[in-house]
Amino acid sequence: MSWDSVALAILGATSLATLLLSQIRDILIKAGEAIQAWRQLKGLAARGNECVTDSDAGPSAPPVINPGEEKGD
């Protein structure tokens, strides 16, 4: 085994480790986002038919009207 082979093996191992760590990081970030979205859905479901404010619906969403309310009131 020559020094060239050793150097290439070290380079390959470090590249593989970097790739694996970045993939694990991406998976953990997406898992955190999924958990946060799930908790938000559970919270919305627990609130039931309460009125959703504009801040909950987002900046570009139309206003939410509860059943039984008139649009002109």
PDB file of N, CA and C in Angstrom:
ATOM      1  N   MET A   1       0.856  -1.175   0.000  1.00  0.00           N
ATOM      2  CA  MET A   1       0.000   0.000   0.000  1.00  0.00           C
ATOM      3  C   MET A   1       0.898   1.234   0.000  1.00  0.00           C
ATOM      4  N   SER A   2       0.677   2.107  -0.966  1.00  0.00           N
ATOM      5  CA  SER A   2       1.506   3.306  -1.083  1.00  0.00           C
ATOM      6  C   SER A   2       0.836   4.486  -0.364  1.00  0.00           C
ATOM      7  N   TRP A   3       1.589   5.570  -0.257  1.00  0.00           N
ATOM      8  CA  TRP A   3       1.065   6.777   0.372  1.00  0.00           C
ATOM      9  C   TRP A   3      -0.092   7.372  -0.425  1.00  0.00           C
ATOM     10  N   ASP A   4      -0.053   7.175  -1.713  1.00  0.00           N
ATOM     11  CA  ASP A   4      -1.159   7.660  -2.551  1.00  0.00           C
ATOM     12  C   ASP A   4      -2.463   6.942  -2.191  1.00  0.00           C
ATOM     13  N   SER A   5      -2.399   5.654  -1.984  1.00  0.00           N
ATOM     14  CA  SER A   5      -3.586   4.893  -1.610  1.00  0.00           C
ATOM     15  C   SER A   5      -4.098   5.318  -0.240  1.00  0.00           C
ATOM     16  N   VAL A   6      -3.192   5.547   0.690  1.00  0.00           N
ATOM     17  CA  VAL A   6      -3.568   5.977   2.035  1.00  0.00           C
ATOM     18  C   VAL A   6      -4.240   7.352   1.967  1.00  0.00           C
ATOM     19  N   ALA A   7      -3.651   8.257   1.198  1.00  0.00           N
ATOM     20  CA  ALA A   7      -4.214   9.604   1.072  1.00  0.00           C
ATOM     21  C   ALA A   7      -5.603   9.560   0.437  1.00  0.00           C
ATOM     22  N   LEU A   8      -5.775   8.739  -0.588  1.00  0.00           N
ATOM     23  CA  LEU A   8      -7.078   8.618  -1.226  1.00  0.00           C
ATOM     24  C   LEU A   8      -8.103   7.982  -0.291  1.00  0.00           C
ATOM     25  N   ALA A   9      -7.683   7.016   0.500  1.00  0.00           N
ATOM     26  CA  ALA A   9      -8.590   6.383   1.450  1.00  0.00           C
ATOM     27  C   ALA A   9      -9.035   7.380   2.521  1.00  0.00           C
ATOM     28  N   ILE A  10      -8.120   8.187   3.013  1.00  0.00           N
ATOM     29  CA  ILE A  10      -8.465   9.200   4.012  1.00  0.00           C
ATOM     30  C   ILE A  10      -9.409  10.238   3.404  1.00  0.00           C
ATOM     31  N   LEU A  11      -9.123  10.672   2.202  1.00  0.00           N
ATOM     32  CA  LEU A  11      -9.988  11.637   1.520  1.00  0.00           C
ATOM     33  C   LEU A  11     -11.384  11.070   1.298  1.00  0.00           C
ATOM     34  N   GLY A  12     -11.461   9.835   0.867  1.00  0.00           N
ATOM     35  CA  GLY A  12     -12.757   9.191   0.657  1.00  0.00           C
ATOM     36  C   GLY A  12     -13.529   9.021   1.956  1.00  0.00           C
ATOM     37  N   ALA A  13     -12.840   8.638   3.031  1.00  0.00           N
ATOM     38  CA  ALA A  13     -13.505   8.447   4.321  1.00  0.00           C
ATOM     39  C   ALA A  13     -14.040   9.761   4.876  1.00  0.00           C
ATOM     40  N   THR A  14     -13.245  10.810   4.773  1.00  0.00           N
ATOM     41  CA  THR A  14     -13.724  12.101   5.273  1.00  0.00           C
ATOM     42  C   THR A  14     -14.875  12.636   4.421  1.00  0.00           C
ATOM     43  N   SER A  15     -14.830  12.417   3.126  1.00  0.00           N
ATOM     44  CA  SER A  15     -15.932  12.842   2.258  1.00  0.00           C
ATOM     45  C   SER A  15     -17.209  12.081   2.583  1.00  0.00           C
ATOM     46  N   LEU A  16     -17.087  10.787   2.802  1.00  0.00           N
ATOM     47  CA  LEU A  16     -18.239   9.969   3.159  1.00  0.00           C
ATOM     48  C   LEU A  16     -18.823  10.407   4.500  1.00  0.00           C
ATOM     49  N   ALA A  17     -17.970  10.676   5.473  1.00  0.00           N
ATOM     50  CA  ALA A  17     -18.440  11.122   6.789  1.00  0.00           C
ATOM     51  C   ALA A  17     -19.152  12.468   6.678  1.00  0.00           C
ATOM     52  N   THR A  18     -18.625  13.374   5.874  1.00  0.00           N
ATOM     53  CA  THR A  18     -19.264  14.673   5.676  1.00  0.00           C
ATOM     54  C   THR A  18     -20.634  14.514   5.028  1.00  0.00           C
ATOM     55  N   LEU A  19     -20.721  13.661   4.031  1.00  0.00           N
ATOM     56  CA  LEU A  19     -21.991  13.418   3.359  1.00  0.00           C
ATOM     57  C   LEU A  19     -23.016  12.824   4.323  1.00  0.00           C
ATOM     58  N   LEU A  20     -22.615  11.838   5.095  1.00  0.00           N
ATOM     59  CA  LEU A  20     -23.532  11.208   6.044  1.00  0.00           C
ATOM     60  C   LEU A  20     -24.001  12.192   7.114  1.00  0.00           C
ATOM     61  N   LEU A  21     -23.094  13.012   7.630  1.00  0.00           N
ATOM     62  CA  LEU A  21     -23.474  13.982   8.648  1.00  0.00           C
ATOM     63  C   LEU A  21     -24.434  15.032   8.094  1.00  0.00           C
ATOM     64  N   SER A  22     -24.219  15.465   6.866  1.00  0.00           N
ATOM     65  CA  SER A  22     -25.130  16.458   6.289  1.00  0.00           C
ATOM     66  C   SER A  22     -26.505  15.854   6.030  1.00  0.00           C
ATOM     67  N   GLN A  23     -26.558  14.581   5.625  1.00  0.00           N
ATOM     68  CA  GLN A  23     -27.839  13.918   5.417  1.00  0.00           C
ATOM     69  C   GLN A  23     -28.577  13.722   6.739  1.00  0.00           C
ATOM     70  N   ILE A  24     -27.875  13.351   7.783  1.00  0.00           N
ATOM     71  CA  ILE A  24     -28.483  13.197   9.105  1.00  0.00           C
ATOM     72  C   ILE A  24     -29.017  14.536   9.593  1.00  0.00           C
ATOM     73  N   ARG A  25     -28.267  15.607   9.366  1.00  0.00           N
ATOM     74  CA  ARG A  25     -28.706  16.948   9.757  1.00  0.00           C
ATOM     75  C   ARG A  25     -30.006  17.308   9.045  1.00  0.00           C
ATOM     76  N   ASP A  26     -30.085  17.065   7.750  1.00  0.00           N
ATOM     77  CA  ASP A  26     -31.296  17.377   6.989  1.00  0.00           C
ATOM     78  C   ASP A  26     -32.495  16.581   7.502  1.00  0.00           C
ATOM     79  N   ILE A  27     -32.272  15.318   7.811  1.00  0.00           N
ATOM     80  CA  ILE A  27     -33.363  14.479   8.326  1.00  0.00           C
ATOM     81  C   ILE A  27     -33.846  15.002   9.672  1.00  0.00           C
ATOM     82  N   LEU A  28     -32.941  15.392  10.554  1.00  0.00           N
ATOM     83  CA  LEU A  28     -33.326  15.902  11.860  1.00  0.00           C
ATOM     84  C   LEU A  28     -34.072  17.227  11.747  1.00  0.00           C
ATOM     85  N   ILE A  29     -33.666  18.078  10.820  1.00  0.00           N
ATOM     86  CA  ILE A  29     -34.367  19.350  10.610  1.00  0.00           C
ATOM     87  C   ILE A  29     -35.785  19.093  10.126  1.00  0.00           C
ATOM     88  N   LYS A  30     -35.934  18.193   9.164  1.00  0.00           N
ATOM     89  CA  LYS A  30     -37.269  17.894   8.626  1.00  0.00           C
ATOM     90  C   LYS A  30     -38.144  17.209   9.677  1.00  0.00           C
ATOM     91  N   ALA A  31     -37.548  16.380  10.516  1.00  0.00           N
ATOM     92  CA  ALA A  31     -38.313  15.732  11.582  1.00  0.00           C
ATOM     93  C   ALA A  31     -38.815  16.779  12.577  1.00  0.00           C
ATOM     94  N   GLY A  32     -37.984  17.750  12.895  1.00  0.00           N
ATOM     95  CA  GLY A  32     -38.410  18.826  13.792  1.00  0.00           C
ATOM     96  C   GLY A  32     -39.554  19.628  13.207  1.00  0.00           C
ATOM     97  N   GLU A  33     -39.495  19.925  11.902  1.00  0.00           N
ATOM     98  CA  GLU A  33     -40.573  20.649  11.240  1.00  0.00           C
ATOM     99  C   GLU A  33     -41.861  19.823  11.238  1.00  0.00           C
ATOM    100  N   ALA A  34     -41.737  18.520  11.023  1.00  0.00           N
ATOM    101  CA  ALA A  34     -42.921  17.652  11.014  1.00  0.00           C
ATOM    102  C   ALA A  34     -43.551  17.582  12.400  1.00  0.00           C
ATOM    103  N   ILE A  35     -42.738  17.511  13.437  1.00  0.00           N
ATOM    104  CA  ILE A  35     -43.256  17.474  14.809  1.00  0.00           C
ATOM    105  C   ILE A  35     -43.955  18.780  15.143  1.00  0.00           C
ATOM    106  N   GLN A  36     -43.356  19.899  14.740  1.00  0.00           N
ATOM    107  CA  GLN A  36     -43.972  21.196  14.990  1.00  0.00           C
ATOM    108  C   GLN A  36     -45.312  21.320  14.263  1.00  0.00           C
ATOM    109  N   ALA A  37     -45.373  20.876  13.017  1.00  0.00           N
ATOM    110  CA  ALA A  37     -46.628  20.925  12.259  1.00  0.00           C
ATOM    111  C   ALA A  37     -47.679  20.026  12.898  1.00  0.00           C
ATOM    112  N   TRP A  38     -47.282  18.852  13.376  1.00  0.00           N
ATOM    113  CA  TRP A  38     -48.217  17.933  14.018  1.00  0.00           C
ATOM    114  C   TRP A  38     -48.789  18.553  15.289  1.00  0.00           C
ATOM    115  N   ARG A  39     -47.936  19.194  16.081  1.00  0.00           N
ATOM    116  CA  ARG A  39     -48.411  19.847  17.307  1.00  0.00           C
ATOM    117  C   ARG A  39     -49.366  20.991  16.975  1.00  0.00           C
ATOM    118  N   GLN A  40     -49.071  21.721  15.909  1.00  0.00           N
ATOM    119  CA  GLN A  40     -49.953  22.805  15.503  1.00  0.00           C
ATOM    120  C   GLN A  40     -51.312  22.258  15.066  1.00  0.00           C
ATOM    121  N   LEU A  41     -51.310  21.160  14.326  1.00  0.00           N
ATOM    122  CA  LEU A  41     -52.571  20.551  13.911  1.00  0.00           C
ATOM    123  C   LEU A  41     -53.364  20.048  15.116  1.00  0.00           C
ATOM    124  N   LYS A  42     -52.681  19.432  16.065  1.00  0.00           N
ATOM    125  CA  LYS A  42     -53.355  18.955  17.262  1.00  0.00           C
ATOM    126  C   LYS A  42     -53.952  20.120  18.034  1.00  0.00           C
ATOM    127  N   GLY A  43     -53.235  21.233  18.114  1.00  0.00           N
ATOM    128  CA  GLY A  43     -53.743  22.413  18.804  1.00  0.00           C
ATOM    129  C   GLY A  43     -54.961  22.989  18.112  1.00  0.00           C
ATOM    130  N   LEU A  44     -54.925  23.041  16.789  1.00  0.00           N
ATOM    131  CA  LEU A  44     -56.073  23.547  16.044  1.00  0.00           C
ATOM    132  C   LEU A  44     -57.275  22.620  16.191  1.00  0.00           C
ATOM    133  N   ALA A  45     -57.035  21.325  16.183  1.00  0.00           N
ATOM    134  CA  ALA A  45     -58.130  20.372  16.349  1.00  0.00           C
ATOM    135  C   ALA A  45     -58.717  20.456  17.754  1.00  0.00           C
ATOM    136  N   ALA A  46     -57.892  20.711  18.746  1.00  0.00           N
ATOM    137  CA  ALA A  46     -58.370  20.803  20.123  1.00  0.00           C
ATOM    138  C   ALA A  46     -59.210  22.057  20.337  1.00  0.00           C
ATOM    139  N   ARG A  47     -58.899  23.109  19.578  1.00  0.00           N
ATOM    140  CA  ARG A  47     -59.662  24.351  19.711  1.00  0.00           C
ATOM    141  C   ARG A  47     -61.044  24.218  19.105  1.00  0.00           C
ATOM    142  N   GLY A  48     -61.210  23.300  18.186  1.00  0.00           N
ATOM    143  CA  GLY A  48     -62.523  23.051  17.595  1.00  0.00           C
ATOM    144  C   GLY A  48     -63.007  24.174  16.710  1.00  0.00           C
ATOM    145  N   ASN A  49     -64.200  24.676  16.986  1.00  0.00           N
ATOM    146  CA  ASN A  49     -64.840  25.679  16.143  1.00  0.00           C
ATOM    147  C   ASN A  49     -64.574  27.105  16.584  1.00  0.00           C
ATOM    148  N   GLU A  50     -63.557  27.337  17.371  1.00  0.00           N
ATOM    149  CA  GLU A  50     -63.244  28.697  17.773  1.00  0.00           C
ATOM    150  C   GLU A  50     -62.869  29.523  16.551  1.00  0.00           C
ATOM    151  N   CYS A  51     -63.039  30.794  16.660  1.00  0.00           N
ATOM    152  CA  CYS A  51     -62.735  31.699  15.546  1.00  0.00           C
ATOM    153  C   CYS A  51     -61.226  31.739  15.324  1.00  0.00           C
ATOM    154  N   VAL A  52     -60.814  31.624  14.085  1.00  0.00           N
ATOM    155  CA  VAL A  52     -59.407  31.716  13.723  1.00  0.00           C
ATOM    156  C   VAL A  52     -59.114  33.164  13.380  1.00  0.00           C
ATOM    157  N   THR A  53     -58.099  33.740  14.019  1.00  0.00           N
ATOM    158  CA  THR A  53     -57.757  35.127  13.745  1.00  0.00           C
ATOM    159  C   THR A  53     -56.927  35.218  12.479  1.00  0.00           C
ATOM    160  N   ASP A  54     -56.780  36.430  11.983  1.00  0.00           N
ATOM    161  CA  ASP A  54     -55.986  36.628  10.771  1.00  0.00           C
ATOM    162  C   ASP A  54     -54.530  36.237  10.975  1.00  0.00           C
ATOM    163  N   SER A  55     -54.005  36.426  12.195  1.00  0.00           N
ATOM    164  CA  SER A  55     -52.612  36.064  12.439  1.00  0.00           C
ATOM    165  C   SER A  55     -52.418  34.549  12.376  1.00  0.00           C
ATOM    166  N   ASP A  56     -53.451  33.764  12.758  1.00  0.00           N
ATOM    167  CA  ASP A  56     -53.358  32.304  12.668  1.00  0.00           C
ATOM    168  C   ASP A  56     -53.467  31.831  11.230  1.00  0.00           C
ATOM    169  N   ALA A  57     -54.249  32.532  10.423  1.00  0.00           N
ATOM    170  CA  ALA A  57     -54.506  32.095   9.060  1.00  0.00           C
ATOM    171  C   ALA A  57     -53.384  32.475   8.106  1.00  0.00           C
ATOM    172  N   GLY A  58     -52.541  33.412   8.476  1.00  0.00           N
ATOM    173  CA  GLY A  58     -51.454  33.828   7.607  1.00  0.00           C
ATOM    174  C   GLY A  58     -51.733  35.197   7.009  1.00  0.00           C
ATOM    175  N   PRO A  59     -50.698  35.842   6.480  1.00  0.00           N
ATOM    176  CA  PRO A  59     -50.852  37.210   6.005  1.00  0.00           C
ATOM    177  C   PRO A  59     -51.710  37.351   4.747  1.00  0.00           C
ATOM    178  N   SER A  60     -51.734  36.359   3.871  1.00  0.00           N
ATOM    179  CA  SER A  60     -52.454  36.509   2.614  1.00  0.00           C
ATOM    180  C   SER A  60     -53.763  35.732   2.580  1.00  0.00           C
ATOM    181  N   ALA A  61     -54.142  35.133   3.689  1.00  0.00           N
ATOM    182  CA  ALA A  61     -55.357  34.324   3.713  1.00  0.00           C
ATOM    183  C   ALA A  61     -56.581  35.219   3.884  1.00  0.00           C
ATOM    184  N   PRO A  62     -57.700  34.846   3.287  1.00  0.00           N
ATOM    185  CA  PRO A  62     -58.930  35.629   3.481  1.00  0.00           C
ATOM    186  C   PRO A  62     -59.429  35.464   4.903  1.00  0.00           C
ATOM    187  N   PRO A  63     -60.231  36.416   5.404  1.00  0.00           N
ATOM    188  CA  PRO A  63     -60.735  36.290   6.773  1.00  0.00           C
ATOM    189  C   PRO A  63     -61.633  35.071   6.914  1.00  0.00           C
ATOM    190  N   VAL A  64     -61.578  34.465   8.076  1.00  0.00           N
ATOM    191  CA  VAL A  64     -62.357  33.264   8.358  1.00  0.00           C
ATOM    192  C   VAL A  64     -63.638  33.677   9.065  1.00  0.00           C
ATOM    193  N   ILE A  65     -64.766  33.166   8.596  1.00  0.00           N
ATOM    194  CA  ILE A  65     -66.061  33.476   9.190  1.00  0.00           C
ATOM    195  C   ILE A  65     -66.602  32.206   9.826  1.00  0.00           C
ATOM    196  N   ASN A  66     -66.979  32.304  11.103  1.00  0.00           N
ATOM    197  CA  ASN A  66     -67.555  31.157  11.792  1.00  0.00           C
ATOM    198  C   ASN A  66     -68.943  30.871  11.240  1.00  0.00           C
ATOM    199  N   PRO A  67     -69.388  29.623  11.281  1.00  0.00           N
ATOM    200  CA  PRO A  67     -70.730  29.314  10.832  1.00  0.00           C
ATOM    201  C   PRO A  67     -71.768  30.082  11.640  1.00  0.00           C
ATOM    202  N   GLY A  68     -72.773  30.608  10.982  1.00  0.00           N
ATOM    203  CA  GLY A  68     -73.815  31.359  11.648  1.00  0.00           C
ATOM    204  C   GLY A  68     -73.579  32.859  11.667  1.00  0.00           C
ATOM    205  N   GLU A  69     -72.385  33.303  11.324  1.00  0.00           N
ATOM    206  CA  GLU A  69     -72.096  34.736  11.279  1.00  0.00           C
ATOM    207  C   GLU A  69     -72.383  35.257   9.875  1.00  0.00           C
ATOM    208  N   GLU A  70     -72.881  36.453   9.823  1.00  0.00           N
ATOM    209  CA  GLU A  70     -73.123  37.097   8.551  1.00  0.00           C
ATOM    210  C   GLU A  70     -71.870  37.819   8.099  1.00  0.00           C
ATOM    211  N   LYS A  71     -71.656  37.894   6.801  1.00  0.00           N
ATOM    212  CA  LYS A  71     -70.470  38.549   6.260  1.00  0.00           C
ATOM    213  C   LYS A  71     -70.525  40.047   6.489  1.00  0.00           C
ATOM    214  N   GLY A  72     -71.687  40.651   6.469  1.00  0.00           N
ATOM    215  CA  GLY A  72     -71.812  42.096   6.602  1.00  0.00           C
ATOM    216  C   GLY A  72     -71.853  42.601   8.027  1.00  0.00           C
ATOM    217  N   ASP A  73     -71.880  41.730   9.042  1.00  0.00           N
ATOM    218  CA  ASP A  73     -71.981  42.172  10.443  1.00  0.00           C
ATOM    219  C   ASP A  73     -70.722  42.782  10.912  1.00  0.00           C
TER     220      ASP A  73
END
